[in-house]
Protein backbone atom coordinates (compact mmCIF):
# COMPACT_ATOMS: atom_id res chain seq x y z
CA MET A 1 9.31 120.27 146.65
CA ALA A 2 11.79 120.26 143.81
CA LEU A 3 11.72 121.61 140.29
CA SER A 4 11.66 119.43 137.21
CA TYR A 5 12.52 120.71 133.77
CA LYS A 6 11.66 117.42 132.03
CA ARG A 7 8.85 119.19 130.18
CA LEU A 8 11.39 121.59 128.67
CA TRP A 9 13.70 118.78 127.53
CA LYS A 10 10.72 116.98 125.95
CA LEU A 11 9.55 120.20 124.28
CA LEU A 12 13.00 120.67 122.77
CA ILE A 13 12.90 117.13 121.38
CA ASP A 14 9.41 117.72 119.96
CA ARG A 15 10.65 120.89 118.25
CA ASP A 16 13.82 119.20 117.00
CA MET A 17 16.02 121.59 119.01
CA THR A 18 19.09 120.91 121.10
CA ARG A 19 19.94 122.49 124.41
CA THR A 20 22.72 124.32 122.62
CA ASP A 21 20.20 125.75 120.10
CA LEU A 22 18.10 127.10 122.97
CA ARG A 23 21.15 128.36 124.86
CA VAL A 24 22.39 130.31 121.85
CA ALA A 25 18.93 131.68 121.02
CA THR A 26 18.30 132.91 124.58
CA GLY A 27 21.83 133.80 125.71
CA ILE A 28 21.58 131.55 128.75
CA SER A 29 24.86 130.35 130.24
CA THR A 30 25.96 126.73 130.35
CA SER A 31 26.06 126.91 134.16
CA THR A 32 22.37 127.79 134.21
CA PHE A 33 21.60 124.77 132.03
CA ALA A 34 23.63 122.67 134.47
CA LYS A 35 21.45 123.96 137.33
CA MET A 36 18.34 123.07 135.36
CA SER A 37 19.67 119.56 134.72
CA ARG A 38 20.01 119.14 138.49
CA GLY A 39 16.51 120.52 139.14
CA GLU A 40 17.79 123.64 140.88
CA CYS A 41 16.09 127.02 140.92
CA ILE A 42 16.95 129.59 138.28
CA GLU A 43 16.00 133.23 137.93
CA SER A 44 12.52 134.04 136.69
CA SER A 45 14.02 136.31 134.01
CA ILE A 46 15.63 133.23 132.47
CA ILE A 47 12.35 131.34 132.55
CA ASP A 48 10.80 134.37 130.85
CA ARG A 49 13.45 134.30 128.10
CA ILE A 50 12.89 130.58 127.50
CA CYS A 51 9.10 130.94 127.36
CA SER A 52 9.33 133.97 125.08
CA ASN A 53 11.69 132.19 122.70
CA LEU A 54 9.65 128.98 122.60
CA LYS A 55 6.33 130.87 122.69
CA CYS A 56 5.00 128.72 125.52
CA ASP A 57 3.78 128.98 129.11
CA VAL A 58 5.79 128.34 132.27
CA GLY A 59 3.84 125.14 132.90
CA ASP A 60 4.98 123.87 129.50
CA ILE A 61 8.63 123.85 130.57
CA MET A 62 8.70 123.10 134.29
CA SER A 63 6.80 121.49 137.14
CA PHE A 64 7.11 120.97 140.87
CA VAL A 65 7.63 117.41 142.07
CA ASP A 66 7.15 116.12 145.60
CA ASP A 67 10.48 115.02 147.11
CA ALA A 68 8.69 112.56 149.37
CA ALA A 69 7.16 110.78 146.38
CA ASP A 70 10.60 110.47 144.81
CA GLU A 71 12.00 108.93 147.99
CA THR A 72 9.33 106.20 148.13
CA GLU A 73 9.88 105.22 144.48
CA LYS A 74 13.57 104.42 145.08
């Protein structure tokens, strides 16, 4: 299983925000955003900061995707 933050990127677009806007508002480092872009795990405290700032639920910003399903689509 891998993480996908596509829901977060879409939510930012829907709210007319950039990643930089969110980074500045939450104090999250650029390296953490790089991890998120690669679908890597980040600390739950960071997820909490994002959800608190955007006033949303965890499921609104991330999801688990099956690696095996990704392999068969390629």
